[in-house]
Amino acid sequence: MTAQPQEFPASIPPAPEKTLRAIRAALVTPQDREAFDAGLRAVLDEVRVSLDLSVLNAFVHRWWISACDSAKNPEGRRQMHTRAEQIIAGEPSRQGRPWREVLAERGIEL
């Protein structure tokens, strides 16, 4: 018996490479790109002073997760930023279903 490569649905885009360039290119919203650029400048300044690359590694990992989210669901990412801007502006929050209700419907008890 031999192992066969697993087939993935064509509708799921591949995850971006875990490089700064690929991560930034995968970010679909201007808000994400601006936050990425500002964060990268701050992290590189910190690395120059501390000579500790672990902060850069953590930064890359955190933004890689956001880039994967952007690649998987770009419209959801845009909607998230739109909703965040509405909340910051003080617009009334629409009420959804309570988490306990959603979880109970899925058979998950807290």
Protein backbone atom coordinates (compact mmCIF):
# COMPACT_ATOMS: atom_id res chain seq x y z
CA MET A 1 0.00 0.00 0.00
CA THR A 2 1.39 3.39 -0.93
CA ALA A 3 0.48 6.81 0.29
CA GLN A 4 -1.35 8.95 -2.21
CA PRO A 5 -1.28 12.74 -2.23
CA GLN A 6 -4.39 14.18 -0.69
CA GLU A 7 -6.67 15.99 -3.12
CA PHE A 8 -7.80 19.42 -1.98
CA PRO A 9 -10.80 21.19 -3.43
CA ALA A 10 -9.80 23.67 -6.14
CA SER A 11 -11.95 26.34 -4.48
CA ILE A 12 -9.57 26.69 -1.52
CA PRO A 13 -6.65 28.90 -2.50
CA PRO A 14 -3.20 27.80 -1.37
CA ALA A 15 -1.74 29.45 1.70
CA PRO A 16 0.78 32.18 0.94
CA GLU A 17 4.44 31.45 1.53
CA LYS A 18 5.68 32.43 4.97
CA THR A 19 7.80 35.32 3.68
CA LEU A 20 7.33 39.02 4.27
CA ARG A 21 6.81 39.72 0.55
CA ALA A 22 4.27 36.92 0.05
CA ILE A 23 2.41 37.80 3.22
CA ARG A 24 2.08 41.48 2.28
CA ALA A 25 1.00 40.58 -1.26
CA ALA A 26 -1.78 38.35 0.11
CA LEU A 27 -3.30 41.09 2.28
CA VAL A 28 -6.45 42.29 0.51
CA THR A 29 -7.40 45.36 2.52
CA PRO A 30 -5.59 48.68 2.76
CA GLN A 31 -6.06 48.55 6.54
CA ASP A 32 -4.15 45.27 6.75
CA ARG A 33 -1.36 46.48 4.46
CA GLU A 34 -0.96 49.72 6.43
CA ALA A 35 -0.90 47.86 9.76
CA PHE A 36 1.58 45.33 8.34
CA ASP A 37 3.92 48.10 7.11
CA ALA A 38 3.77 50.02 10.39
CA GLY A 39 4.26 46.85 12.43
CA LEU A 40 7.19 45.73 10.30
CA ARG A 41 8.95 49.06 10.80
CA ALA A 42 8.46 48.80 14.57
CA VAL A 43 9.61 45.17 14.71
CA LEU A 44 12.71 45.87 12.63
CA ASP A 45 13.59 48.77 14.93
CA GLU A 46 13.20 46.45 17.91
CA VAL A 47 15.37 43.78 16.27
CA ARG A 48 18.10 46.35 15.57
CA VAL A 49 18.21 47.28 19.25
CA SER A 50 17.70 43.87 20.86
CA LEU A 51 19.37 41.69 18.20
CA ASP A 52 16.59 39.19 18.96
CA LEU A 53 14.95 37.69 15.88
CA SER A 54 12.18 35.98 17.86
CA VAL A 55 10.07 39.16 17.68
CA LEU A 56 10.40 39.13 13.89
CA ASN A 57 9.47 35.44 13.78
CA ALA A 58 6.37 36.14 15.90
CA PHE A 59 5.44 39.06 13.63
CA VAL A 60 5.78 36.91 10.50
CA HIS A 61 3.68 34.13 12.02
CA ARG A 62 0.91 36.48 13.17
CA TRP A 63 0.67 38.21 9.79
CA TRP A 64 0.89 34.90 7.93
CA ILE A 65 -2.30 33.85 9.72
CA SER A 66 -3.99 37.08 8.57
CA ALA A 67 -2.68 36.54 5.02
CA CYS A 68 -4.12 33.01 5.00
CA ASP A 69 -7.45 34.44 6.15
CA SER A 70 -7.28 37.06 3.39
CA ALA A 71 -6.53 34.43 0.76
CA LYS A 72 -9.27 32.11 1.98
CA ASN A 73 -12.01 34.71 2.44
CA PRO A 74 -11.15 38.15 1.03
CA GLU A 75 -14.73 39.43 1.22
CA GLY A 76 -15.03 38.31 4.83
CA ARG A 77 -11.84 40.20 5.63
CA ARG A 78 -13.24 43.37 4.00
CA GLN A 79 -16.50 42.99 5.91
CA MET A 80 -14.59 42.56 9.17
CA HIS A 81 -12.79 45.88 8.65
CA THR A 82 -16.01 47.62 7.62
CA ARG A 83 -17.74 46.37 10.77
CA ALA A 84 -14.78 47.38 12.96
CA GLU A 85 -14.89 50.90 11.50
CA GLN A 86 -18.63 51.09 12.23
CA ILE A 87 -18.08 50.05 15.84
CA ILE A 88 -15.24 52.57 16.27
CA ALA A 89 -17.51 55.26 14.83
CA GLY A 90 -20.09 54.43 17.50
CA GLU A 91 -22.72 53.03 15.19
CA PRO A 92 -25.22 50.80 16.96
CA SER A 93 -24.28 47.16 17.07
CA ARG A 94 -26.69 44.77 15.47
CA GLN A 95 -27.61 41.95 17.76
CA GLY A 96 -26.94 38.41 16.66
CA ARG A 97 -27.75 35.15 18.32
CA PRO A 98 -26.08 34.44 21.67
CA TRP A 99 -22.99 32.20 21.45
CA ARG A 100 -24.55 29.71 23.85
CA GLU A 101 -27.48 29.26 21.48
CA VAL A 102 -25.24 28.74 18.44
CA LEU A 103 -23.02 26.29 20.31
CA ALA A 104 -26.00 24.38 21.72
CA GLU A 105 -27.41 24.05 18.20
CA ARG A 106 -24.11 22.42 17.21
CA GLY A 107 -24.20 20.08 20.19
CA ILE A 108 -21.44 21.85 22.10
CA GLU A 109 -22.00 22.51 25.78
CA LEU A 110 -20.07 25.01 27.86
